[in-house]
């Protein structure tokens, strides 16, 4: 069946990797759940329900007409409306969007909430663009996308390159075109116009809540743990914040230019100032922090640590990085980004006895809180930070317990990869059988 996927989707390496990673976990149910084969569930899951590709023309400040490509892959709506982010980055391609959408199906299923999976974006690069250019691009992007989305159909959110500013421009254009204040159509909105408290922090906080649960199974906690977090975007920043609140010592983080090692612990206020206000680089952090050194060679995963949280991008942890982590006696690795660890590296870590959490489980806090934002929009309500944060914590506990119990049920105790893949797959598959061939 994997050969069929390769043949039907040539040249889409990232999508192939995501499918392979799930398929290799499904052997335990192959004989036990014959109805899945009868209804061709796996074949149907590997084919998106809808793939939308469109041109996005816009005008730069200098008057030059520029063209980008937009995508929305609506992968599976068996459990609810499509839900997943929009990514604006030069690396975005159909393969990237399909891999992210495929992962999103199982991630959303694990939350236990009624949401399907989808993903979208563009190869537009917001770096170096003025606010006016980003606004014009977002308006052009939404001028096509609006006809494919809706609060009962498909609810995009933010991802890499798409934050509150971009969501605002996208929502403004959607409202203008449709003449409807349909606040549930996008999540990640500003607090003054339908957004949810904790949404900004959700993916990073949720990741750390999952790590807490993993350590608790061994009677351990984060107090005094030496941690390395890759990336310095939204997920990384708020993972660092929660780690520090729980007594951990975060000594390194990174961006695309290099990484900093700060043995005194990352100065979170300075990091937020540089990344969230100035939109600067990690080199700026090192220039202003005497205890930090900036490194452009090698890998951040060469920095010794107890807990490693890859929060940057896909495939940042390969075999060489896994070997370095194992050599430095890493205790736990949990994915904050989408598929940041290659299958080979994940296998090496698990075989070495490292606690390992796949992103579809450990970084599900973002989409879970997006669903909570939808719930607040639907009821015209707004919850306190504490209410939402506690609900997020409950969801992450539920995901952890589901993955752990499912893995144990099928004879793979403490294998969170198998547990997450099986639990997500079974929930979607059972619903697909119930709904018939549609």
Protein backbone atom coordinates (compact mmCIF):
# COMPACT_ATOMS: atom_id res chain seq x y z
CA UNK A 1 0.00 0.00 0.00
CA UNK A 2 2.91 2.34 0.65
CA UNK A 3 4.11 1.64 -2.90
CA UNK A 4 0.70 2.82 -4.10
CA UNK A 5 1.15 6.07 -2.18
CA UNK A 6 4.57 6.58 -3.81
CA UNK A 7 3.11 5.96 -7.25
CA UNK A 8 0.09 8.24 -6.77
CA UNK A 9 2.10 11.08 -5.21
CA UNK A 10 5.47 11.24 -7.02
CA UNK A 11 8.16 13.56 -5.69
CA UNK A 12 6.37 14.34 -2.41
CA UNK A 13 9.05 13.22 0.04
CA UNK A 14 7.62 14.86 3.16
CA UNK A 15 4.16 13.39 2.54
CA UNK A 16 5.71 9.96 1.91
CA UNK A 17 7.56 10.19 5.24
CA UNK A 18 4.41 11.13 7.19
CA UNK A 19 2.43 8.24 5.67
CA UNK A 20 5.28 5.75 6.27
CA UNK A 21 5.57 6.79 9.91
CA UNK A 22 1.87 6.01 10.49
CA UNK A 23 1.73 2.85 8.36
CA UNK A 24 4.57 1.15 10.21
CA UNK A 25 2.53 1.41 13.45
CA UNK A 26 -0.61 -0.28 12.11
CA UNK A 27 0.49 -3.95 12.02
CA UNK A 28 -1.09 -4.78 15.43
CA UNK A 29 -4.61 -4.10 14.12
CA UNK A 30 -4.22 -5.45 10.58
CA UNK A 31 -5.71 -8.86 11.43
CA UNK A 32 -7.94 -7.79 14.30
CA UNK A 33 -9.96 -5.12 12.48
CA UNK A 34 -10.86 -6.73 9.15
CA UNK A 35 -13.61 -4.19 8.50
CA UNK A 36 -10.91 -1.55 7.92
CA UNK A 37 -9.58 -3.52 4.94
CA UNK A 38 -13.10 -4.26 3.71
CA UNK A 39 -13.87 -0.52 3.61
CA UNK A 40 -10.38 0.43 2.25
CA UNK A 41 -9.91 2.79 5.18
CA UNK A 42 -6.14 3.22 4.87
CA UNK A 43 -6.32 3.90 1.12
CA UNK A 44 -9.01 6.49 1.68
CA UNK A 45 -7.09 8.12 4.53
CA UNK A 46 -4.05 8.57 2.29
CA UNK A 47 -6.05 10.47 -0.33
CA UNK A 48 -7.14 14.02 0.64
CA UNK A 49 -10.82 14.77 0.23
CA UNK A 50 -9.92 17.99 -1.58
CA UNK A 51 -6.72 19.71 -2.78
CA UNK A 52 -6.93 23.38 -3.73
CA UNK A 53 -4.05 25.20 -5.47
CA UNK A 54 -4.39 28.80 -6.60
CA UNK A 55 -2.49 31.85 -7.80
CA UNK A 56 -1.94 34.75 -5.38
CA UNK A 57 -1.08 38.02 -7.21
CA UNK A 58 -0.13 41.08 -5.16
CA UNK A 59 1.67 44.41 -5.57
CA UNK A 60 4.84 45.35 -3.67
CA UNK A 61 5.47 48.79 -2.22
CA UNK A 62 7.62 49.56 -5.27
CA UNK A 63 4.70 48.80 -7.62
CA UNK A 64 6.02 45.43 -8.81
CA UNK A 65 3.41 42.73 -9.44
CA UNK A 66 4.41 39.52 -7.65
CA UNK A 67 2.95 36.04 -7.89
CA UNK A 68 2.87 33.36 -5.22
CA UNK A 69 1.10 30.01 -5.01
CA UNK A 70 -1.57 29.28 -2.43
CA UNK A 71 -2.65 25.89 -1.09
CA UNK A 72 -5.41 24.40 1.03
CA UNK A 73 -5.54 20.63 1.44
CA UNK A 74 -8.78 19.55 3.11
CA UNK A 75 -7.67 16.11 4.15
CA UNK A 76 -10.35 14.42 6.23
CA UNK A 77 -13.65 15.71 7.66
CA UNK A 78 -14.92 12.47 9.20
CA UNK A 79 -14.79 13.78 12.78
CA UNK A 80 -15.75 17.39 12.04
CA UNK A 81 -14.90 20.43 9.89
CA UNK A 82 -11.35 20.61 8.56
CA UNK A 83 -9.05 22.28 11.11
CA UNK A 84 -5.41 23.21 10.62
CA UNK A 85 -3.08 26.13 10.14
CA UNK A 86 -1.81 28.26 7.28
CA UNK A 87 1.97 28.44 6.75
CA UNK A 88 3.65 31.31 4.87
CA UNK A 89 7.24 30.27 4.11
CA UNK A 90 9.39 29.85 0.95
CA UNK A 91 9.61 26.09 1.57
CA UNK A 92 5.85 25.54 1.30
CA UNK A 93 4.89 23.08 -1.44
CA UNK A 94 2.07 20.64 -2.05
CA UNK A 95 4.13 17.89 -0.38
CA UNK A 96 4.67 19.99 2.76
CA UNK A 97 0.98 20.92 2.99
CA UNK A 98 -0.14 17.32 2.45
CA UNK A 99 2.22 15.97 5.10
CA UNK A 100 1.01 18.60 7.57
CA UNK A 101 -2.63 17.90 6.72
CA UNK A 102 -2.15 14.14 7.08
CA UNK A 103 -0.53 14.60 10.50
CA UNK A 104 -3.29 17.02 11.48
CA UNK A 105 -5.99 14.37 10.98
CA UNK A 106 -4.52 12.13 13.70
CA UNK A 107 -3.44 14.98 15.95
CA UNK A 108 -6.96 16.40 15.95
CA UNK A 109 -8.44 12.95 16.54
CA UNK A 110 -6.25 12.52 19.64
CA UNK A 111 -7.68 15.66 21.25
CA UNK A 112 -11.08 13.95 21.46
CA UNK A 113 -12.67 17.10 20.02
CA UNK A 114 -15.00 17.11 16.97
CA UNK A 115 -12.56 18.41 14.35
CA UNK A 116 -11.20 16.97 11.12
CA UNK A 117 -7.81 17.71 9.59
CA UNK A 118 -6.52 20.08 6.93
CA UNK A 119 -3.62 22.44 6.23
CA UNK A 120 -2.75 25.28 3.89
CA UNK A 121 -0.37 28.09 3.13
CA UNK A 122 1.79 29.73 0.52
CA UNK A 123 5.40 30.00 -0.61
CA UNK A 124 5.18 33.72 0.25
CA UNK A 125 7.98 34.90 2.56
CA UNK A 126 6.82 37.60 5.02
CA UNK A 127 10.41 38.30 6.14
CA UNK A 128 11.53 41.69 4.86
CA UNK A 129 8.02 42.70 3.74
CA UNK A 130 6.31 45.82 5.05
CA UNK A 131 3.01 45.64 6.91
CA UNK A 132 1.30 47.07 3.83
CA UNK A 133 2.77 44.35 1.59
CA UNK A 134 1.73 41.62 4.02
CA UNK A 135 -1.78 43.10 4.16
CA UNK A 136 -2.09 43.14 0.36
CA UNK A 137 -0.81 39.57 0.11
CA UNK A 138 -3.23 38.33 2.81
CA UNK A 139 -6.15 40.08 1.12
CA UNK A 140 -5.30 38.50 -2.24
CA UNK A 141 -4.84 35.08 -0.60
CA UNK A 142 -8.24 35.28 1.14
CA UNK A 143 -9.97 36.53 -2.03
CA UNK A 144 -9.57 32.98 -3.36
CA UNK A 145 -9.56 31.00 -0.11
CA UNK A 146 -12.83 32.45 1.26
CA UNK A 147 -15.00 30.36 -1.08
CA UNK A 148 -13.57 27.13 0.35
CA UNK A 149 -13.83 27.81 4.11
CA UNK A 150 -16.47 28.46 6.76
CA UNK A 151 -17.08 27.78 10.45
CA UNK A 152 -18.92 24.53 9.60
CA UNK A 153 -16.61 23.57 6.69
CA UNK A 154 -12.96 24.49 7.18
CA UNK A 155 -11.41 26.64 9.92
CA UNK A 156 -7.81 27.74 9.23
CA UNK A 157 -5.47 29.08 11.91
CA UNK A 158 -1.89 30.34 12.06
CA UNK A 159 1.37 28.43 11.64
CA UNK A 160 4.92 29.44 10.65
CA UNK A 161 4.81 32.97 9.20
CA UNK A 162 1.16 33.48 10.14
CA UNK A 163 0.52 35.17 13.48
CA UNK A 164 -2.03 37.59 14.87
CA UNK A 165 -1.20 40.28 12.30
CA UNK A 166 -1.78 37.98 9.33
CA UNK A 167 -4.91 36.41 10.84
CA UNK A 168 -6.30 39.94 11.29
CA UNK A 169 -5.75 40.86 7.64
CA UNK A 170 -7.19 37.52 6.49
CA UNK A 171 -10.28 37.84 8.68
CA UNK A 172 -10.85 41.44 7.62
CA UNK A 173 -10.91 40.43 3.96
CA UNK A 174 -13.17 37.43 4.67
CA UNK A 175 -15.66 39.70 6.48
CA UNK A 176 -15.51 42.24 3.69
CA UNK A 177 -16.19 39.70 0.93
CA UNK A 178 -18.88 37.67 2.70
CA UNK A 179 -20.60 40.51 4.57
CA UNK A 180 -20.74 38.22 7.63
CA UNK A 181 -19.05 38.52 11.02
CA UNK A 182 -18.37 34.79 11.13
CA UNK A 183 -15.80 34.85 13.92
CA UNK A 184 -15.52 31.05 14.05
CA UNK A 185 -14.04 30.85 10.54
CA UNK A 186 -10.45 31.56 11.67
CA UNK A 187 -8.71 30.93 14.98
CA UNK A 188 -5.74 32.70 16.47
CA UNK A 189 -7.65 35.98 16.39
CA UNK A 190 -6.88 39.03 18.52
CA UNK A 191 -8.43 39.07 21.99
CA UNK A 192 -10.52 42.16 21.23
CA UNK A 193 -12.24 40.58 18.24
CA UNK A 194 -13.05 36.97 19.10
CA UNK A 195 -9.72 35.44 20.10
CA UNK A 196 -9.05 33.20 23.07
CA UNK A 197 -6.74 33.63 26.00
CA UNK A 198 -3.93 30.99 26.07
CA UNK A 199 -4.06 30.55 22.26
CA UNK A 200 -0.65 32.23 21.88
CA UNK A 201 0.89 30.07 24.58
CA UNK A 202 -1.05 26.87 23.83
CA UNK A 203 1.32 24.79 21.70
CA UNK A 204 4.36 25.48 23.89
CA UNK A 205 2.46 25.09 27.16
CA UNK A 206 0.72 21.93 25.92
CA UNK A 207 4.06 20.43 24.92
CA UNK A 208 5.44 20.92 28.43
CA UNK A 209 2.25 19.57 30.03
CA UNK A 210 2.73 16.41 27.94
CA UNK A 211 6.38 16.19 29.03
CA UNK A 212 5.23 16.52 32.67
CA UNK A 213 2.91 13.55 32.21
CA UNK A 214 5.67 11.45 30.60
CA UNK A 215 8.06 12.13 33.47
CA UNK A 216 5.34 11.47 36.05
CA UNK A 217 5.04 7.87 34.78
CA UNK A 218 8.55 7.39 36.19
CA UNK A 219 7.96 9.37 39.36
CA UNK A 220 9.98 12.34 38.03
CA UNK A 221 9.38 16.03 37.29
CA UNK A 222 11.02 19.00 35.54
CA UNK A 223 12.57 20.62 38.59
CA UNK A 224 16.27 21.29 37.90
CA UNK A 225 16.25 19.58 34.49
CA UNK A 226 18.67 20.95 31.90
CA UNK A 227 16.67 21.63 28.71
CA UNK A 228 17.40 22.55 25.09
CA UNK A 229 14.64 23.96 22.88
CA UNK A 230 15.22 24.47 19.16
CA UNK A 231 13.56 27.40 17.42
CA UNK A 232 12.65 30.80 18.84
CA UNK A 233 9.18 31.27 17.42
CA UNK A 234 5.86 31.05 19.18
CA UNK A 235 6.09 27.36 20.17
CA UNK A 236 9.66 27.58 21.45
CA UNK A 237 9.17 30.81 23.40
CA UNK A 238 6.17 29.56 25.35
CA UNK A 239 7.65 26.11 25.89
CA UNK A 240 10.63 27.90 27.46
CA UNK A 241 8.28 30.03 29.57
CA UNK A 242 6.41 27.02 30.96
CA UNK A 243 9.63 25.03 31.51
CA UNK A 244 11.03 27.89 33.57
CA UNK A 245 7.80 28.20 35.56
CA UNK A 246 8.13 24.50 36.45
CA UNK A 247 11.72 24.85 37.64
CA UNK A 248 13.65 23.66 34.58
CA UNK A 249 16.81 25.36 33.31
CA UNK A 250 16.66 26.11 29.56
CA UNK A 251 20.20 26.68 28.29
CA UNK A 252 19.84 26.89 24.49
CA UNK A 253 17.49 27.94 21.68
CA UNK A 254 17.97 28.78 18.00
CA UNK A 255 16.80 30.30 14.75
CA UNK A 256 17.70 29.64 11.11
CA UNK A 257 21.03 31.49 11.50
CA UNK A 258 22.43 29.59 14.48
CA UNK A 259 21.88 28.92 18.16
CA UNK A 260 22.75 30.47 21.50
CA UNK A 261 23.99 28.66 24.60
CA UNK A 262 23.34 30.56 27.83
CA UNK A 263 24.57 28.64 30.87
CA UNK A 264 22.83 31.15 33.17
CA UNK A 265 19.52 30.15 31.60
CA UNK A 266 17.71 31.81 28.71
CA UNK A 267 16.57 35.35 29.57
CA UNK A 268 12.94 35.03 28.49
CA UNK A 269 12.16 38.76 28.64
CA UNK A 270 15.10 39.54 26.35
CA UNK A 271 14.17 36.70 23.98
CA UNK A 272 10.58 37.97 23.71
CA UNK A 273 11.79 41.52 23.13
CA UNK A 274 14.08 40.44 20.28
CA UNK A 275 11.72 37.97 18.61
CA UNK A 276 8.22 39.31 19.28
CA UNK A 277 8.85 43.06 19.29
CA UNK A 278 11.95 43.74 17.19
CA UNK A 279 11.60 40.63 14.99
CA UNK A 280 15.37 40.25 15.34
CA UNK A 281 17.83 37.33 15.27
CA UNK A 282 19.40 35.11 17.91
CA UNK A 283 22.73 36.85 17.29
CA UNK A 284 21.13 39.99 18.75
CA UNK A 285 20.40 38.02 21.94
CA UNK A 286 24.05 36.96 22.28
CA UNK A 287 25.22 40.53 21.62
CA UNK A 288 23.15 41.76 24.57
CA UNK A 289 23.68 38.87 27.00
CA UNK A 290 27.25 38.48 28.36
CA UNK A 291 26.61 34.91 29.55
CA UNK A 292 25.51 33.73 26.09
CA UNK A 293 27.57 32.52 23.15
CA UNK A 294 26.31 32.41 19.58
CA UNK A 295 27.15 29.34 17.46
CA UNK A 296 26.70 29.01 13.69
CA UNK A 297 28.43 25.66 13.16
CA UNK A 298 27.18 22.20 14.07
CA UNK A 299 23.83 21.49 15.68
CA UNK A 300 22.01 22.69 18.78
CA UNK A 301 21.51 19.00 19.60
CA UNK A 302 25.21 18.73 20.44
CA UNK A 303 24.50 20.78 23.59
CA UNK A 304 24.22 18.32 26.53
CA UNK A 305 20.74 18.23 28.08
CA UNK A 306 18.25 16.08 29.99
CA UNK A 307 15.22 17.19 27.98
CA UNK A 308 15.29 18.08 24.26
CA UNK A 309 12.31 19.79 22.61
CA UNK A 310 12.63 20.22 18.82
CA UNK A 311 10.32 23.16 18.06
CA UNK A 312 11.71 24.54 14.79
CA UNK A 313 10.85 22.62 11.61
CA UNK A 314 10.52 19.19 10.00
CA UNK A 315 13.48 16.77 9.93
CA UNK A 316 15.78 18.87 12.09
CA UNK A 317 16.75 15.77 14.13
CA UNK A 318 18.35 13.14 11.90
CA UNK A 319 20.55 10.15 12.71
CA UNK A 320 23.61 12.31 13.49
CA UNK A 321 21.65 14.53 15.86
CA UNK A 322 20.04 11.52 17.56
CA UNK A 323 23.48 9.97 18.05
CA UNK A 324 24.72 13.20 19.69
CA UNK A 325 21.70 13.35 22.00
CA UNK A 326 22.14 9.70 23.03
CA UNK A 327 25.88 10.17 23.59
CA UNK A 328 25.09 13.10 25.91
CA UNK A 329 22.60 10.91 27.83
CA UNK A 330 19.40 12.77 26.94
CA UNK A 331 16.50 11.49 29.04
CA UNK A 332 13.47 12.70 27.07
CA UNK A 333 12.73 14.07 23.59
CA UNK A 334 9.30 15.53 22.77
CA UNK A 335 8.39 17.11 19.44
CA UNK A 336 7.05 20.67 19.48
CA UNK A 337 7.28 21.09 15.71
CA UNK A 338 5.57 18.92 13.09
CA UNK A 339 7.68 15.83 12.25
CA UNK A 340 11.02 17.35 13.34
CA UNK A 341 12.54 13.89 13.84
CA UNK A 342 13.24 11.49 10.99
CA UNK A 343 11.91 7.91 11.37
CA UNK A 344 15.49 6.62 11.65
CA UNK A 345 16.34 9.10 14.42
CA UNK A 346 13.12 8.34 16.32
CA UNK A 347 13.87 4.63 16.16
CA UNK A 348 17.42 5.22 17.47
CA UNK A 349 16.13 7.26 20.41
CA UNK A 350 13.47 4.71 21.36
CA UNK A 351 15.92 1.79 21.10
CA UNK A 352 18.32 3.69 23.38
CA UNK A 353 15.61 3.89 26.05
CA UNK A 354 14.92 7.61 25.61
CA UNK A 355 11.35 8.71 26.34
CA UNK A 356 10.12 9.97 22.96
CA UNK A 357 6.87 11.79 22.11
CA UNK A 358 5.72 12.35 18.49
CA UNK A 359 4.38 15.78 17.54
CA UNK A 360 0.90 14.55 16.70
CA UNK A 361 0.50 13.92 20.45
CA UNK A 362 2.84 16.35 22.20
CA UNK A 363 2.18 19.48 20.14
CA UNK A 364 -1.60 19.08 19.91
CA UNK A 365 -2.17 21.86 22.46
CA UNK A 366 -2.33 24.52 19.77
CA UNK A 367 -5.14 22.98 17.76
CA UNK A 368 -6.93 21.95 20.97
CA UNK A 369 -7.04 25.57 22.10
CA UNK A 370 -8.12 26.63 18.61
CA UNK A 371 -11.10 24.30 19.08
CA UNK A 372 -11.74 25.94 22.45
CA UNK A 373 -11.68 29.32 20.68
CA UNK A 374 -14.30 27.99 18.24
CA UNK A 375 -16.39 26.87 21.22
CA UNK A 376 -16.22 30.35 22.77
CA UNK A 377 -17.11 31.96 19.43
CA UNK A 378 -20.10 29.65 18.96
CA UNK A 379 -21.46 30.49 22.42
CA UNK A 380 -20.56 34.21 22.15
CA UNK A 381 -18.54 33.75 25.34
CA UNK A 382 -15.02 34.48 26.59
CA UNK A 383 -13.21 32.35 29.18
CA UNK A 384 -10.58 33.45 31.67
CA UNK A 385 -6.92 32.54 31.20
CA UNK A 386 -7.13 30.11 34.11
CA UNK A 387 -10.25 28.37 32.73
CA UNK A 388 -8.71 27.89 29.30
CA UNK A 389 -5.30 26.86 30.62
CA UNK A 390 -6.86 24.21 32.88
CA UNK A 391 -8.94 22.90 29.95
CA UNK A 392 -5.75 22.70 27.87
CA UNK A 393 -3.99 20.81 30.65
CA UNK A 394 -6.90 18.34 30.87
CA UNK A 395 -6.76 17.72 27.12
CA UNK A 396 -2.99 17.08 27.18
CA UNK A 397 -3.46 14.65 30.10
CA UNK A 398 -6.16 12.88 28.08
CA UNK A 399 -3.91 12.64 25.00
CA UNK A 400 -1.03 11.28 27.08
CA UNK A 401 -3.24 8.67 28.77
CA UNK A 402 -4.78 7.66 25.42
CA UNK A 403 -1.37 7.16 23.77
CA UNK A 404 0.09 5.31 26.74
CA UNK A 405 -2.92 3.04 27.25
CA UNK A 406 -3.28 2.23 23.54
CA UNK A 407 0.40 1.34 23.23
CA UNK A 408 0.15 -0.95 26.26
CA UNK A 409 -3.06 -2.58 24.96
CA UNK A 410 -1.27 -3.67 21.77
CA UNK A 411 1.94 -4.78 23.46
CA UNK A 412 4.11 -1.67 22.90
CA UNK A 413 4.38 -0.33 26.43
CA UNK A 414 5.89 3.20 26.67
CA UNK A 415 6.05 3.53 22.85
CA UNK A 416 4.24 6.84 22.36
CA UNK A 417 4.71 6.75 18.57
CA UNK A 418 2.78 3.50 18.17
CA UNK A 419 0.25 4.59 20.81
CA UNK A 420 -0.45 7.94 19.13
CA UNK A 421 -0.68 6.49 15.62
CA UNK A 422 -2.96 3.63 16.62
CA UNK A 423 -5.24 5.73 18.83
CA UNK A 424 -5.68 8.47 16.22
CA UNK A 425 -6.12 6.00 13.37
CA UNK A 426 -8.70 3.87 15.20
CA UNK A 427 -10.84 6.88 16.12
CA UNK A 428 -10.94 8.16 12.54
CA UNK A 429 -11.32 4.68 11.02
CA UNK A 430 -14.27 3.74 13.21
CA UNK A 431 -16.05 6.95 12.21
CA UNK A 432 -15.28 6.34 8.51
CA UNK A 433 -16.82 2.85 8.73
CA UNK A 434 -19.90 4.33 10.40
CA UNK A 435 -20.35 7.02 7.72
CA UNK A 436 -20.00 4.66 4.74
CA UNK A 437 -18.10 5.19 1.50
CA UNK A 438 -18.21 8.98 1.11
